[in-house]
Amino acid sequence: MAYKISADACINCGACESECPSQAISEVEEKRSINADSCVSCGACASVCPVGAISED
């Protein structure tokens, strides 16, 4: 199951993108977004998000 980023909560710090081993996260309209097809559901992004904006979809 892929993870998702809450656009309302995301502060666009980039920590999740740097941590993602599958490079599934990119910046879209000044927020981060996870490509569900590339996400390996490891949870690395959620573990480093300083505002808890990432959860399992």
N, C-alpha and C. Protein backbone atom coordinates (compact mmCIF):
# COMPACT_ATOMS: atom_id res chain seq x y z
N MET A 1 0.85 -1.18 0.00
CA MET A 1 0.00 0.00 0.00
C MET A 1 0.89 1.24 0.00
N ALA A 2 0.65 2.15 -0.88
CA ALA A 2 1.45 3.37 -1.02
C ALA A 2 1.13 4.38 0.08
N TYR A 3 2.02 5.32 0.23
CA TYR A 3 1.82 6.41 1.18
C TYR A 3 1.31 7.63 0.43
N LYS A 4 0.73 8.57 1.17
CA LYS A 4 0.27 9.81 0.57
C LYS A 4 0.68 10.98 1.45
N ILE A 5 0.81 12.14 0.84
CA ILE A 5 1.20 13.35 1.56
C ILE A 5 0.00 14.29 1.59
N SER A 6 -0.36 14.77 2.77
CA SER A 6 -1.42 15.74 2.90
C SER A 6 -0.91 17.09 2.41
N ALA A 7 -1.48 17.59 1.32
CA ALA A 7 -1.05 18.87 0.76
C ALA A 7 -1.27 20.01 1.75
N ASP A 8 -2.30 19.90 2.57
CA ASP A 8 -2.59 20.96 3.55
C ASP A 8 -1.54 21.00 4.66
N ALA A 9 -1.01 19.84 5.02
CA ALA A 9 -0.05 19.77 6.12
C ALA A 9 1.41 19.92 5.67
N CYS A 10 1.69 19.59 4.42
CA CYS A 10 3.06 19.61 3.90
C CYS A 10 3.66 21.02 3.96
N ILE A 11 4.87 21.12 4.49
CA ILE A 11 5.56 22.41 4.55
C ILE A 11 6.66 22.49 3.48
N ASN A 12 6.72 21.49 2.60
CA ASN A 12 7.64 21.47 1.47
C ASN A 12 9.11 21.55 1.90
N CYS A 13 9.45 20.86 2.97
CA CYS A 13 10.84 20.90 3.45
C CYS A 13 11.77 20.01 2.64
N GLY A 14 11.22 18.96 1.98
CA GLY A 14 12.02 18.08 1.15
C GLY A 14 12.66 16.91 1.87
N ALA A 15 12.44 16.78 3.17
CA ALA A 15 13.05 15.68 3.92
C ALA A 15 12.60 14.33 3.38
N CYS A 16 11.34 14.21 3.04
CA CYS A 16 10.80 12.95 2.53
C CYS A 16 11.42 12.57 1.19
N GLU A 17 11.57 13.55 0.32
CA GLU A 17 12.14 13.28 -1.00
C GLU A 17 13.59 12.80 -0.88
N SER A 18 14.33 13.40 0.03
CA SER A 18 15.73 13.00 0.24
C SER A 18 15.84 11.60 0.80
N GLU A 19 14.87 11.20 1.60
CA GLU A 19 14.91 9.90 2.29
C GLU A 19 14.38 8.75 1.44
N CYS A 20 13.56 9.03 0.45
CA CYS A 20 12.88 7.99 -0.33
C CYS A 20 13.87 7.15 -1.15
N PRO A 21 13.95 5.83 -0.87
CA PRO A 21 14.89 4.97 -1.59
C PRO A 21 14.47 4.67 -3.03
N SER A 22 13.18 4.86 -3.35
CA SER A 22 12.71 4.55 -4.71
C SER A 22 12.48 5.81 -5.55
N GLN A 23 12.88 6.94 -5.02
CA GLN A 23 12.73 8.23 -5.71
C GLN A 23 11.30 8.44 -6.21
N ALA A 24 10.34 8.11 -5.36
CA ALA A 24 8.93 8.22 -5.71
C ALA A 24 8.32 9.58 -5.37
N ILE A 25 9.10 10.46 -4.75
CA ILE A 25 8.57 11.74 -4.30
C ILE A 25 9.16 12.88 -5.12
N SER A 26 8.28 13.78 -5.53
CA SER A 26 8.72 14.94 -6.30
C SER A 26 7.90 16.16 -5.87
N GLU A 27 8.36 17.33 -6.29
CA GLU A 27 7.66 18.56 -5.97
C GLU A 27 6.63 18.86 -7.06
N VAL A 28 5.39 19.10 -6.63
CA VAL A 28 4.31 19.44 -7.53
C VAL A 28 3.57 20.65 -6.95
N GLU A 29 3.58 21.75 -7.66
CA GLU A 29 2.89 22.97 -7.22
C GLU A 29 3.29 23.37 -5.80
N GLU A 30 4.59 23.42 -5.55
CA GLU A 30 5.18 23.85 -4.29
C GLU A 30 4.86 22.95 -3.10
N LYS A 31 4.47 21.72 -3.36
CA LYS A 31 4.26 20.70 -2.33
C LYS A 31 4.88 19.41 -2.83
N ARG A 32 5.10 18.45 -1.95
CA ARG A 32 5.64 17.16 -2.34
C ARG A 32 4.50 16.21 -2.66
N SER A 33 4.75 15.30 -3.59
CA SER A 33 3.75 14.33 -4.01
C SER A 33 4.43 12.98 -4.19
N ILE A 34 3.72 11.90 -3.84
CA ILE A 34 4.26 10.55 -3.97
C ILE A 34 3.63 9.86 -5.17
N ASN A 35 4.47 9.33 -6.04
CA ASN A 35 4.01 8.53 -7.17
C ASN A 35 3.71 7.13 -6.64
N ALA A 36 2.44 6.78 -6.57
CA ALA A 36 2.02 5.50 -5.99
C ALA A 36 2.60 4.30 -6.74
N ASP A 37 2.83 4.44 -8.03
CA ASP A 37 3.38 3.34 -8.82
C ASP A 37 4.84 3.07 -8.48
N SER A 38 5.55 4.09 -8.01
CA SER A 38 6.97 3.93 -7.67
C SER A 38 7.20 3.65 -6.19
N CYS A 39 6.23 4.00 -5.36
CA CYS A 39 6.35 3.84 -3.91
C CYS A 39 6.46 2.37 -3.53
N VAL A 40 7.45 2.02 -2.69
CA VAL A 40 7.62 0.64 -2.24
C VAL A 40 7.06 0.42 -0.83
N SER A 41 6.36 1.42 -0.31
CA SER A 41 5.68 1.35 0.99
C SER A 41 6.60 1.03 2.15
N CYS A 42 7.81 1.58 2.13
CA CYS A 42 8.77 1.30 3.19
C CYS A 42 8.54 2.17 4.42
N GLY A 43 7.89 3.33 4.25
CA GLY A 43 7.62 4.22 5.37
C GLY A 43 8.74 5.16 5.73
N ALA A 44 9.83 5.15 4.97
CA ALA A 44 10.97 6.02 5.27
C ALA A 44 10.56 7.49 5.24
N CYS A 45 9.72 7.85 4.29
CA CYS A 45 9.29 9.23 4.16
C CYS A 45 8.49 9.68 5.39
N ALA A 46 7.57 8.84 5.82
CA ALA A 46 6.73 9.17 6.97
C ALA A 46 7.56 9.31 8.24
N SER A 47 8.61 8.52 8.35
CA SER A 47 9.42 8.56 9.57
C SER A 47 10.25 9.84 9.69
N VAL A 48 10.50 10.53 8.58
CA VAL A 48 11.30 11.75 8.65
C VAL A 48 10.48 13.04 8.51
N CYS A 49 9.20 12.93 8.22
CA CYS A 49 8.37 14.12 8.04
C CYS A 49 8.21 14.84 9.38
N PRO A 50 8.68 16.11 9.46
CA PRO A 50 8.64 16.83 10.74
C PRO A 50 7.24 17.26 11.17
N VAL A 51 6.27 17.22 10.27
CA VAL A 51 4.92 17.66 10.62
C VAL A 51 3.88 16.54 10.53
N GLY A 52 4.33 15.32 10.28
CA GLY A 52 3.41 14.18 10.22
C GLY A 52 2.42 14.25 9.07
N ALA A 53 2.85 14.80 7.93
CA ALA A 53 1.96 14.98 6.79
C ALA A 53 1.83 13.75 5.91
N ILE A 54 2.55 12.67 6.23
CA ILE A 54 2.56 11.48 5.38
C ILE A 54 1.94 10.30 6.10
N SER A 55 1.01 9.64 5.41
CA SER A 55 0.34 8.48 6.00
C SER A 55 0.11 7.43 4.92
N GLU A 56 -0.22 6.21 5.36
CA GLU A 56 -0.53 5.14 4.41
C GLU A 56 -1.85 5.46 3.73
N ASP A 57 -1.91 5.20 2.44
CA ASP A 57 -3.12 5.47 1.67
C ASP A 57 -4.07 4.29 1.76
